Structures are given as C-alpha cells and as structure tokens.
PDB file of all heavy atoms in Angstrom:
ATOM      1  N   ASN A   1      -3.593 -28.445  53.654  1.00  0.00           N
ATOM      2  CA  ASN A   1      -4.572 -27.764  54.526  1.00  0.00           C
ATOM      3  C   ASN A   1      -4.271 -26.283  54.687  1.00  0.00           C
ATOM      4  O   ASN A   1      -5.165 -25.488  55.000  1.00  0.00           O
ATOM      5  CB  ASN A   1      -4.582 -28.415  55.905  1.00  0.00           C
ATOM      6  CG  ASN A   1      -5.018 -29.875  55.845  1.00  0.00           C
ATOM      7  OD1 ASN A   1      -5.820 -30.242  54.979  1.00  0.00           O
ATOM      8  ND2 ASN A   1      -4.514 -30.704  56.755  1.00  0.00           N
ATOM      9  N   THR A   2      -3.007 -25.943  54.515  1.00  0.00           N
ATOM     10  CA  THR A   2      -2.614 -24.529  54.735  1.00  0.00           C
ATOM     11  C   THR A   2      -2.271 -23.813  53.430  1.00  0.00           C
ATOM     12  O   THR A   2      -1.903 -22.645  53.466  1.00  0.00           O
ATOM     13  CB  THR A   2      -1.397 -24.470  55.669  1.00  0.00           C
ATOM     14  OG1 THR A   2      -0.321 -25.222  55.090  1.00  0.00           O
ATOM     15  CG2 THR A   2      -1.733 -25.053  57.035  1.00  0.00           C
ATOM     16  N   LYS A   3      -2.363 -24.523  52.297  1.00  0.00           N
ATOM     17  CA  LYS A   3      -1.952 -23.964  51.022  1.00  0.00           C
ATOM     18  C   LYS A   3      -2.696 -22.663  50.689  1.00  0.00           C
ATOM     19  O   LYS A   3      -2.095 -21.689  50.229  1.00  0.00           O
ATOM     20  CB  LYS A   3      -2.154 -24.988  49.904  1.00  0.00           C
ATOM     21  CG  LYS A   3      -1.602 -24.548  48.550  1.00  0.00           C
ATOM     22  CD  LYS A   3      -1.758 -25.665  47.528  1.00  0.00           C
ATOM     23  CE  LYS A   3      -1.081 -25.287  46.207  1.00  0.00           C
ATOM     24  NZ  LYS A   3      -1.650 -24.057  45.618  1.00  0.00           N
ATOM     25  N   VAL A   4      -4.012 -22.641  50.945  1.00  0.00           N
ATOM     26  CA  VAL A   4      -4.807 -21.457  50.633  1.00  0.00           C
ATOM     27  C   VAL A   4      -4.334 -20.267  51.461  1.00  0.00           C
ATOM     28  O   VAL A   4      -4.160 -19.154  50.946  1.00  0.00           O
ATOM     29  CB  VAL A   4      -6.303 -21.726  50.890  1.00  0.00           C
ATOM     30  CG1 VAL A   4      -7.108 -20.438  50.700  1.00  0.00           C
ATOM     31  CG2 VAL A   4      -6.818 -22.798  49.938  1.00  0.00           C
ATOM     32  N   ALA A   5      -4.076 -20.521  52.757  1.00  0.00           N
ATOM     33  CA  ALA A   5      -3.621 -19.433  53.633  1.00  0.00           C
ATOM     34  C   ALA A   5      -2.231 -18.947  53.222  1.00  0.00           C
ATOM     35  O   ALA A   5      -1.954 -17.739  53.216  1.00  0.00           O
ATOM     36  CB  ALA A   5      -3.605 -19.914  55.084  1.00  0.00           C
ATOM     37  N   VAL A   6      -1.363 -19.894  52.845  1.00  0.00           N
ATOM     38  CA  VAL A   6      -0.003 -19.523  52.433  1.00  0.00           C
ATOM     39  C   VAL A   6      -0.050 -18.694  51.148  1.00  0.00           C
ATOM     40  O   VAL A   6       0.634 -17.674  51.018  1.00  0.00           O
ATOM     41  CB  VAL A   6       0.870 -20.788  52.234  1.00  0.00           C
ATOM     42  CG1 VAL A   6       2.193 -20.412  51.577  1.00  0.00           C
ATOM     43  CG2 VAL A   6       1.115 -21.460  53.560  1.00  0.00           C
ATOM     44  N   ASP A   7      -0.848 -19.151  50.177  1.00  0.00           N
ATOM     45  CA  ASP A   7      -0.983 -18.408  48.915  1.00  0.00           C
ATOM     46  C   ASP A   7      -1.543 -17.012  49.161  1.00  0.00           C
ATOM     47  O   ASP A   7      -1.108 -16.039  48.530  1.00  0.00           O
ATOM     48  CB  ASP A   7      -1.885 -19.180  47.949  1.00  0.00           C
ATOM     49  CG  ASP A   7      -1.216 -20.425  47.402  1.00  0.00           C
ATOM     50  OD1 ASP A   7       0.024 -20.523  47.511  1.00  0.00           O
ATOM     51  OD2 ASP A   7      -1.934 -21.296  46.887  1.00  0.00           O
ATOM     52  N   SER A   8      -2.504 -16.915  50.071  1.00  0.00           N
ATOM     53  CA  SER A   8      -3.084 -15.610  50.408  1.00  0.00           C
ATOM     54  C   SER A   8      -2.027 -14.695  51.010  1.00  0.00           C
ATOM     55  O   SER A   8      -1.948 -13.502  50.685  1.00  0.00           O
ATOM     56  CB  SER A   8      -4.248 -15.778  51.392  1.00  0.00           C
ATOM     57  OG  SER A   8      -5.272 -16.535  50.818  1.00  0.00           O
ATOM     58  N   TYR A   9      -1.185 -15.262  51.866  1.00  0.00           N
ATOM     59  CA  TYR A   9      -0.105 -14.506  52.512  1.00  0.00           C
ATOM     60  C   TYR A   9       0.891 -14.010  51.466  1.00  0.00           C
ATOM     61  O   TYR A   9       1.318 -12.855  51.492  1.00  0.00           O
ATOM     62  CB  TYR A   9       0.589 -15.374  53.547  1.00  0.00           C
ATOM     63  CG  TYR A   9       1.747 -14.700  54.239  1.00  0.00           C
ATOM     64  CD1 TYR A   9       1.534 -13.826  55.290  1.00  0.00           C
ATOM     65  CD2 TYR A   9       3.061 -14.951  53.841  1.00  0.00           C
ATOM     66  CE1 TYR A   9       2.596 -13.217  55.931  1.00  0.00           C
ATOM     67  CE2 TYR A   9       4.127 -14.339  54.474  1.00  0.00           C
ATOM     68  CZ  TYR A   9       3.882 -13.475  55.515  1.00  0.00           C
ATOM     69  OH  TYR A   9       4.938 -12.858  56.134  1.00  0.00           O
ATOM     70  N   ILE A  10       1.272 -14.915  50.534  1.00  0.00           N
ATOM     71  CA  ILE A  10       2.243 -14.545  49.498  1.00  0.00           C
ATOM     72  C   ILE A  10       1.674 -13.453  48.601  1.00  0.00           C
ATOM     73  O   ILE A  10       2.354 -12.453  48.287  1.00  0.00           O
ATOM     74  CB  ILE A  10       2.631 -15.788  48.667  1.00  0.00           C
ATOM     75  CG1 ILE A  10       3.418 -16.783  49.531  1.00  0.00           C
ATOM     76  CG2 ILE A  10       3.471 -15.381  47.461  1.00  0.00           C
ATOM     77  CD1 ILE A  10       3.671 -18.111  48.852  1.00  0.00           C
ATOM     78  N   ASN A  11       0.420 -13.631  48.161  1.00  0.00           N
ATOM     79  CA  ASN A  11      -0.219 -12.627  47.283  1.00  0.00           C
ATOM     80  C   ASN A  11      -0.372 -11.290  48.005  1.00  0.00           C
ATOM     81  O   ASN A  11      -0.176 -10.232  47.401  1.00  0.00           O
ATOM     82  CB  ASN A  11      -1.584 -13.138  46.832  1.00  0.00           C
ATOM     83  CG  ASN A  11      -1.484 -14.327  45.896  1.00  0.00           C
ATOM     84  OD1 ASN A  11      -0.492 -14.486  45.194  1.00  0.00           O
ATOM     85  ND2 ASN A  11      -2.499 -15.184  45.883  1.00  0.00           N
ATOM     86  N   PHE A  12      -0.708 -11.347  49.292  1.00  0.00           N
ATOM     87  CA  PHE A  12      -0.837 -10.116  50.072  1.00  0.00           C
ATOM     88  C   PHE A  12       0.508  -9.405  50.186  1.00  0.00           C
ATOM     89  O   PHE A  12       0.586  -8.172  50.058  1.00  0.00           O
ATOM     90  CB  PHE A  12      -1.384 -10.443  51.461  1.00  0.00           C
ATOM     91  CG  PHE A  12      -1.493  -9.243  52.364  1.00  0.00           C
ATOM     92  CD1 PHE A  12      -2.470  -8.294  52.187  1.00  0.00           C
ATOM     93  CD2 PHE A  12      -0.573  -9.074  53.402  1.00  0.00           C
ATOM     94  CE1 PHE A  12      -2.559  -7.191  53.036  1.00  0.00           C
ATOM     95  CE2 PHE A  12      -0.648  -7.984  54.242  1.00  0.00           C
ATOM     96  CZ  PHE A  12      -1.649  -7.038  54.054  1.00  0.00           C
ATOM     97  N   SER A  13       1.571 -10.176  50.404  1.00  0.00           N
ATOM     98  CA  SER A  13       2.911  -9.593  50.512  1.00  0.00           C
ATOM     99  C   SER A  13       3.320  -8.907  49.210  1.00  0.00           C
ATOM    100  O   SER A  13       3.875  -7.808  49.221  1.00  0.00           O
ATOM    101  CB  SER A  13       3.920 -10.676  50.884  1.00  0.00           C
ATOM    102  OG  SER A  13       3.617 -11.264  52.128  1.00  0.00           O
ATOM    103  N   LYS A  14       3.049  -9.586  48.084  1.00  0.00           N
ATOM    104  CA  LYS A  14       3.366  -9.000  46.774  1.00  0.00           C
ATOM    105  C   LYS A  14       2.560  -7.723  46.542  1.00  0.00           C
ATOM    106  O   LYS A  14       3.083  -6.736  46.031  1.00  0.00           O
ATOM    107  CB  LYS A  14       3.092 -10.011  45.676  1.00  0.00           C
ATOM    108  CG  LYS A  14       4.048 -11.196  45.662  1.00  0.00           C
ATOM    109  CD  LYS A  14       3.703 -12.171  44.537  1.00  0.00           C
ATOM    110  CE  LYS A  14       4.671 -13.334  44.504  1.00  0.00           C
ATOM    111  NZ  LYS A  14       4.296 -14.311  43.433  1.00  0.00           N
ATOM    112  N   PHE A  15       1.295  -7.760  46.911  1.00  0.00           N
ATOM    113  CA  PHE A  15       0.425  -6.596  46.758  1.00  0.00           C
ATOM    114  C   PHE A  15       0.953  -5.409  47.573  1.00  0.00           C
ATOM    115  O   PHE A  15       1.027  -4.289  47.071  1.00  0.00           O
ATOM    116  CB  PHE A  15      -0.994  -6.954  47.203  1.00  0.00           C
ATOM    117  CG  PHE A  15      -1.942  -5.789  47.246  1.00  0.00           C
ATOM    118  CD1 PHE A  15      -2.542  -5.324  46.088  1.00  0.00           C
ATOM    119  CD2 PHE A  15      -2.233  -5.146  48.448  1.00  0.00           C
ATOM    120  CE1 PHE A  15      -3.418  -4.242  46.121  1.00  0.00           C
ATOM    121  CE2 PHE A  15      -3.086  -4.077  48.498  1.00  0.00           C
ATOM    122  CZ  PHE A  15      -3.693  -3.612  47.330  1.00  0.00           C
ATOM    123  N   VAL A  16       1.331  -5.698  48.815  1.00  0.00           N
ATOM    124  CA  VAL A  16       1.861  -4.631  49.682  1.00  0.00           C
ATOM    125  C   VAL A  16       3.148  -4.061  49.128  1.00  0.00           C
ATOM    126  O   VAL A  16       3.373  -2.851  49.107  1.00  0.00           O
ATOM    127  CB  VAL A  16       2.069  -5.170  51.112  1.00  0.00           C
ATOM    128  CG1 VAL A  16       2.846  -4.160  51.963  1.00  0.00           C
ATOM    129  CG2 VAL A  16       0.744  -5.482  51.757  1.00  0.00           C
ATOM    130  N   MET A  17       4.030  -4.952  48.627  1.00  0.00           N
ATOM    131  CA  MET A  17       5.321  -4.506  48.098  1.00  0.00           C
ATOM    132  C   MET A  17       5.132  -3.598  46.887  1.00  0.00           C
ATOM    133  O   MET A  17       5.730  -2.521  46.796  1.00  0.00           O
ATOM    134  CB  MET A  17       6.159  -5.725  47.713  1.00  0.00           C
ATOM    135  CG  MET A  17       7.546  -5.370  47.179  1.00  0.00           C
ATOM    136  SD  MET A  17       8.568  -4.496  48.410  1.00  0.00           S
ATOM    137  CE  MET A  17       8.884  -5.816  49.575  1.00  0.00           C
ATOM    138  N   LYS A  18       4.293  -4.027  45.933  1.00  0.00           N
ATOM    139  CA  LYS A  18       4.069  -3.236  44.727  1.00  0.00           C
ATOM    140  C   LYS A  18       3.441  -1.897  45.063  1.00  0.00           C
ATOM    141  O   LYS A  18       3.877  -0.842  44.569  1.00  0.00           O
ATOM    142  CB  LYS A  18       3.175  -4.003  43.748  1.00  0.00           C
ATOM    143  CG  LYS A  18       3.846  -5.209  43.120  1.00  0.00           C
ATOM    144  CD  LYS A  18       2.885  -5.932  42.184  1.00  0.00           C
ATOM    145  CE  LYS A  18       3.551  -7.157  41.567  1.00  0.00           C
ATOM    146  NZ  LYS A  18       2.607  -7.906  40.684  1.00  0.00           N
ATOM    147  N   ASN A  19       2.418  -1.906  45.910  1.00  0.00           N
ATOM    148  CA  ASN A  19       1.747  -0.663  46.254  1.00  0.00           C
ATOM    149  C   ASN A  19       2.610   0.236  47.123  1.00  0.00           C
ATOM    150  O   ASN A  19       2.460   1.458  47.069  1.00  0.00           O
ATOM    151  CB  ASN A  19       0.404  -0.968  46.938  1.00  0.00           C
ATOM    152  CG  ASN A  19      -0.661  -1.448  45.977  1.00  0.00           C
ATOM    153  OD1 ASN A  19      -1.351  -0.645  45.362  1.00  0.00           O
ATOM    154  ND2 ASN A  19      -0.771  -2.744  45.801  1.00  0.00           N
ATOM    155  N   SER A  20       3.494  -0.371  47.906  1.00  0.00           N
ATOM    156  CA  SER A  20       4.401   0.446  48.713  1.00  0.00           C
ATOM    157  C   SER A  20       5.358   1.229  47.832  1.00  0.00           C
ATOM    158  O   SER A  20       5.655   2.401  48.096  1.00  0.00           O
ATOM    159  CB  SER A  20       5.204  -0.451  49.671  1.00  0.00           C
ATOM    160  OG  SER A  20       4.347  -1.061  50.595  1.00  0.00           O
ATOM    161  N   LEU A  21       5.838   0.602  46.750  1.00  0.00           N
ATOM    162  CA  LEU A  21       6.734   1.283  45.821  1.00  0.00           C
ATOM    163  C   LEU A  21       6.008   2.437  45.115  1.00  0.00           C
ATOM    164  O   LEU A  21       6.564   3.528  44.958  1.00  0.00           O
ATOM    165  CB  LEU A  21       7.268   0.283  44.781  1.00  0.00           C
ATOM    166  CG  LEU A  21       8.199  -0.804  45.324  1.00  0.00           C
ATOM    167  CD1 LEU A  21       8.556  -1.801  44.236  1.00  0.00           C
ATOM    168  CD2 LEU A  21       9.468  -0.175  45.909  1.00  0.00           C
ATOM    169  N   VAL A  22       4.760   2.184  44.699  1.00  0.00           N
ATOM    170  CA  VAL A  22       3.965   3.234  44.053  1.00  0.00           C
ATOM    171  C   VAL A  22       3.720   4.387  45.028  1.00  0.00           C
ATOM    172  O   VAL A  22       3.863   5.567  44.691  1.00  0.00           O
ATOM    173  CB  VAL A  22       2.627   2.674  43.535  1.00  0.00           C
ATOM    174  CG1 VAL A  22       1.728   3.789  43.035  1.00  0.00           C
ATOM    175  CG2 VAL A  22       2.870   1.645  42.440  1.00  0.00           C
ATOM    176  N   PHE A  23       3.357   4.027  46.265  1.00  0.00           N
ATOM    177  CA  PHE A  23       3.089   5.048  47.288  1.00  0.00           C
ATOM    178  C   PHE A  23       4.340   5.829  47.623  1.00  0.00           C
ATOM    179  O   PHE A  23       4.303   7.054  47.822  1.00  0.00           O
ATOM    180  CB  PHE A  23       2.542   4.348  48.544  1.00  0.00           C
ATOM    181  CG  PHE A  23       2.031   5.314  49.586  1.00  0.00           C
ATOM    182  CD1 PHE A  23       1.015   6.200  49.285  1.00  0.00           C
ATOM    183  CD2 PHE A  23       2.567   5.309  50.856  1.00  0.00           C
ATOM    184  CE1 PHE A  23       0.543   7.094  50.256  1.00  0.00           C
ATOM    185  CE2 PHE A  23       2.112   6.182  51.820  1.00  0.00           C
ATOM    186  CZ  PHE A  23       1.082   7.074  51.516  1.00  0.00           C
ATOM    187  N   ALA A  24       5.493   5.136  47.680  1.00  0.00           N
ATOM    188  CA  ALA A  24       6.756   5.820  47.961  1.00  0.00           C
ATOM    189  C   ALA A  24       7.096   6.803  46.849  1.00  0.00           C
ATOM    190  O   ALA A  24       7.568   7.921  47.125  1.00  0.00           O
ATOM    191  CB  ALA A  24       7.866   4.783  48.118  1.00  0.00           C
ATOM    192  N   ALA A  25       6.875   6.408  45.597  1.00  0.00           N
ATOM    193  CA  ALA A  25       7.127   7.308  44.468  1.00  0.00           C
ATOM    194  C   ALA A  25       6.213   8.527  44.537  1.00  0.00           C
ATOM    195  O   ALA A  25       6.641   9.660  44.287  1.00  0.00           O
ATOM    196  CB  ALA A  25       6.917   6.565  43.156  1.00  0.00           C
TER     197      ALA A  25
END
C-alpha cells in the first residue's frame, strides 16, 4: 500500500542529491 509513496520518496531523494551536487559545483 505504501510502495508507490516509498519509491517516490527514494527517487525524489536521489534527484535532490544529484542536483545538489551539480548546483554546488
């Protein structure tokens, strides 16, 4: 029941991490 929300959270975290590194550079 929560798999979609968990996957969305994980994908969002990865997106933020990658873009944070690009933005920091």
